[in-house]
Amino acid sequence: MSTLSELLNDLTSGNETRAEAAVSALIDLGEEALPALLDLTRSPDSDQRWWGLRVLAQSPRSQAGWLAPFLNDPAREVRQCAALGLALKPDESALQPLVQALSDEDSMVGSLAVNALVKIGSAAVPALIDVVQAAPQSARIHALRALAELRDQRAIPIMMKVMEEDSALLGHWAKEGLERLGLDMVYIKPV
């Protein structure tokens, strides 16, 4: 069996095959590996931060609170990894950072944040409704997608309101959400 030091060297070697092989072994080390992995997440090298988060995201011993701060990382791939990790570790404590990530300049971060918010469930609905009401367009689209997937009746009024807007994507997700809630026929007030 490899030592912690050897596994960390493999993880940060730049060789993807060696790094992937080290992920499972580091997870198997359990608590012993956590401090070193957390140290990696503080590295100035974005690749090292990514690999540290990659292992922490899959480790049953890590916490969502360790991943959420990386939704603000300067490197988009690190933000993506953090959002993906939070989908694996849904926790209400990550709700606000995930909602903010819906506005990320990288649309993949926003999409992955949607997945994590859907896993959090109904607790995310009020914040998602707020985003649809007042956020930039890309965040609104992500929030409507999440609301459609959550199928929560509290979202019906905002979905109905969005149907009146002139946006194909917003309209698509509002319609999808209403259909998933069993409201296949939407009545629009005549002008």
Protein backbone atom coordinates (compact mmCIF):
# COMPACT_ATOMS: atom_id res chain seq x y z
CA MET A 1 0.00 0.00 0.00
CA SER A 2 1.23 3.48 -0.90
CA THR A 3 1.92 6.05 1.78
CA LEU A 4 -0.01 9.29 2.06
CA SER A 5 2.97 11.19 0.67
CA GLU A 6 3.22 8.88 -2.35
CA LEU A 7 -0.50 9.17 -3.03
CA LEU A 8 -0.36 12.96 -2.84
CA ASN A 9 2.58 12.95 -5.25
CA ASP A 10 0.53 10.81 -7.65
CA LEU A 11 -2.48 13.10 -7.22
CA THR A 12 -0.48 16.22 -8.11
CA SER A 13 1.84 14.59 -10.66
CA GLY A 14 0.15 16.06 -13.71
CA ASN A 15 -0.47 12.51 -14.92
CA GLU A 16 -4.25 12.06 -14.99
CA THR A 17 -4.11 8.25 -14.86
CA ARG A 18 -1.89 8.28 -11.75
CA ALA A 19 -3.99 11.03 -10.17
CA GLU A 20 -7.29 9.18 -10.73
CA ALA A 21 -5.79 6.00 -9.28
CA ALA A 22 -4.76 7.97 -6.18
CA VAL A 23 -8.28 9.35 -5.60
CA SER A 24 -9.77 6.06 -4.33
CA ALA A 25 -6.72 5.22 -2.27
CA LEU A 26 -6.81 8.64 -0.60
CA ILE A 27 -10.51 8.22 0.17
CA ASP A 28 -9.73 4.80 1.67
CA LEU A 29 -7.15 6.40 3.97
CA GLY A 30 -10.03 8.29 5.60
CA GLU A 31 -9.35 10.86 8.30
CA GLU A 32 -5.60 10.54 7.87
CA ALA A 33 -5.75 12.11 4.39
CA LEU A 34 -8.11 15.01 5.17
CA PRO A 35 -5.57 17.56 6.49
CA ALA A 36 -3.29 17.05 3.47
CA LEU A 37 -6.24 17.33 1.07
CA LEU A 38 -7.41 20.53 2.76
CA ASP A 39 -3.86 21.87 2.41
CA LEU A 40 -4.00 21.13 -1.32
CA THR A 41 -7.15 23.23 -1.64
CA ARG A 42 -5.15 26.21 -0.40
CA SER A 43 -2.47 25.82 -3.08
CA PRO A 44 -1.79 28.73 -5.43
CA ASP A 45 -1.89 26.14 -8.25
CA SER A 46 -5.47 25.74 -9.50
CA ASP A 47 -4.77 22.18 -10.68
CA GLN A 48 -3.76 21.16 -7.15
CA ARG A 49 -6.84 22.88 -5.70
CA TRP A 50 -8.98 20.99 -8.22
CA TRP A 51 -7.52 17.59 -7.33
CA GLY A 52 -7.83 18.29 -3.60
CA LEU A 53 -11.50 19.21 -4.09
CA ARG A 54 -12.00 16.22 -6.38
CA VAL A 55 -11.06 13.84 -3.58
CA LEU A 56 -12.92 15.78 -0.88
CA ALA A 57 -16.08 15.82 -3.00
CA GLN A 58 -16.14 12.03 -3.05
CA SER A 59 -14.93 11.41 0.48
CA PRO A 60 -17.69 10.42 2.88
CA ARG A 61 -15.71 12.12 5.65
CA SER A 62 -15.62 15.60 4.14
CA GLN A 63 -18.21 18.33 4.62
CA ALA A 64 -20.15 20.59 2.27
CA GLY A 65 -18.75 23.58 4.16
CA TRP A 66 -15.29 22.68 2.91
CA LEU A 67 -16.44 22.82 -0.72
CA ALA A 68 -18.78 25.84 -0.75
CA PRO A 69 -16.06 28.54 -0.47
CA PHE A 70 -14.57 27.30 -3.74
CA LEU A 71 -17.66 28.45 -5.64
CA ASN A 72 -15.81 31.80 -5.59
CA ASP A 73 -12.43 30.46 -6.73
CA PRO A 74 -10.74 32.44 -9.51
CA ALA A 75 -10.40 29.27 -11.63
CA ARG A 76 -13.61 28.19 -13.35
CA GLU A 77 -12.65 24.49 -13.25
CA VAL A 78 -12.28 24.71 -9.46
CA ARG A 79 -15.69 26.39 -9.19
CA GLN A 80 -17.14 23.63 -11.38
CA CYS A 81 -15.58 20.96 -9.17
CA ALA A 82 -16.98 22.61 -6.04
CA ALA A 83 -20.50 22.79 -7.51
CA LEU A 84 -20.32 19.18 -8.64
CA GLY A 85 -19.08 18.15 -5.21
CA LEU A 86 -21.96 19.97 -3.54
CA ALA A 87 -24.41 17.97 -5.66
CA LEU A 88 -22.81 14.87 -4.12
CA LYS A 89 -23.08 16.38 -0.63
CA PRO A 90 -26.36 18.31 -0.60
CA ASP A 91 -26.51 20.51 2.47
CA GLU A 92 -28.63 23.55 3.27
CA SER A 93 -25.54 25.31 4.62
CA ALA A 94 -24.39 25.67 0.98
CA LEU A 95 -27.70 27.17 -0.18
CA GLN A 96 -26.63 30.84 -0.47
CA PRO A 97 -23.25 30.18 -2.16
CA LEU A 98 -25.01 27.90 -4.65
CA VAL A 99 -27.69 30.52 -5.36
CA GLN A 100 -24.93 33.07 -5.99
CA ALA A 101 -23.23 30.56 -8.31
CA LEU A 102 -26.29 30.67 -10.58
CA SER A 103 -24.92 34.03 -11.77
CA ASP A 104 -21.41 32.71 -12.45
CA GLU A 105 -19.83 33.91 -15.69
CA ASP A 106 -19.22 30.25 -16.55
CA SER A 107 -22.55 28.67 -17.49
CA MET A 108 -21.31 25.20 -16.46
CA VAL A 109 -20.87 26.43 -12.89
CA GLY A 110 -24.47 27.68 -12.98
CA SER A 111 -25.74 24.37 -14.37
CA LEU A 112 -23.87 22.35 -11.76
CA ALA A 113 -25.17 24.69 -9.04
CA VAL A 114 -28.71 23.94 -10.27
CA ASN A 115 -28.06 20.21 -9.79
CA ALA A 116 -26.85 20.81 -6.25
CA LEU A 117 -29.82 23.04 -5.41
CA VAL A 118 -32.24 20.42 -6.72
CA LYS A 119 -30.57 17.86 -4.44
CA ILE A 120 -31.04 20.23 -1.48
CA GLY A 121 -34.73 20.18 -2.30
CA SER A 122 -37.66 22.26 -1.11
CA ALA A 123 -35.51 24.38 1.21
CA ALA A 124 -34.04 25.99 -1.92
CA VAL A 125 -37.41 27.08 -3.37
CA PRO A 126 -37.78 30.53 -1.70
CA ALA A 127 -34.25 31.57 -2.72
CA LEU A 128 -34.82 30.30 -6.27
CA ILE A 129 -38.05 32.29 -6.54
CA ASP A 130 -36.13 35.40 -5.41
CA VAL A 131 -33.57 34.79 -8.17
CA VAL A 132 -36.29 34.52 -10.82
CA GLN A 133 -37.78 37.80 -9.62
CA ALA A 134 -34.65 39.93 -9.51
CA ALA A 135 -31.45 38.38 -10.85
CA PRO A 136 -29.67 38.66 -14.20
CA GLN A 137 -31.18 36.68 -17.08
CA SER A 138 -28.75 33.72 -17.02
CA ALA A 139 -29.33 33.19 -13.29
CA ARG A 140 -33.10 33.41 -13.80
CA ILE A 141 -32.94 30.67 -16.43
CA HIS A 142 -30.91 28.43 -14.11
CA ALA A 143 -33.30 29.12 -11.22
CA LEU A 144 -36.36 28.30 -13.33
CA ARG A 145 -34.76 25.04 -14.41
CA ALA A 146 -34.21 24.16 -10.75
CA LEU A 147 -37.79 25.10 -9.87
CA ALA A 148 -39.08 22.96 -12.75
CA GLU A 149 -37.12 19.98 -11.47
CA LEU A 150 -38.20 20.54 -7.86
CA ARG A 151 -41.92 20.54 -8.74
CA ASP A 152 -42.88 22.72 -5.78
CA GLN A 153 -46.28 24.42 -5.92
CA ARG A 154 -44.88 27.58 -4.33
CA ALA A 155 -43.25 28.28 -7.70
CA ILE A 156 -46.51 28.33 -9.69
CA PRO A 157 -47.15 32.12 -9.40
CA ILE A 158 -43.64 33.06 -10.58
CA MET A 159 -43.79 30.52 -13.41
CA MET A 160 -47.12 31.96 -14.53
CA LYS A 161 -45.68 35.47 -14.41
CA VAL A 162 -42.62 34.45 -16.43
CA MET A 163 -44.88 32.99 -19.14
CA GLU A 164 -45.89 36.59 -19.92
CA GLU A 165 -42.29 37.65 -20.62
CA ASP A 166 -40.65 37.74 -24.01
CA SER A 167 -37.91 35.16 -23.44
CA ALA A 168 -37.89 31.75 -25.11
CA LEU A 169 -35.63 30.13 -22.51
CA LEU A 170 -37.47 31.53 -19.51
CA GLY A 171 -40.75 30.55 -21.13
CA HIS A 172 -39.47 27.05 -21.83
CA TRP A 173 -38.51 26.37 -18.21
CA ALA A 174 -41.66 28.00 -16.83
CA LYS A 175 -43.80 25.86 -19.17
CA GLU A 176 -41.78 22.76 -18.29
CA GLY A 177 -42.22 23.46 -14.58
CA LEU A 178 -45.95 23.98 -14.91
CA GLU A 179 -46.29 20.77 -16.92
CA ARG A 180 -44.32 18.82 -14.31
CA LEU A 181 -46.74 20.14 -11.70
CA GLY A 182 -49.63 18.81 -13.75
CA LEU A 183 -50.71 22.20 -15.04
CA ASP A 184 -50.62 21.30 -18.72
CA MET A 185 -53.05 23.99 -19.73
CA VAL A 186 -51.99 27.51 -18.96
CA TYR A 187 -54.67 30.15 -19.22
CA ILE A 188 -53.44 33.52 -20.38
CA LYS A 189 -55.50 36.57 -19.65
CA PRO A 190 -56.66 38.13 -22.94
CA VAL A 191 -55.47 41.63 -23.68
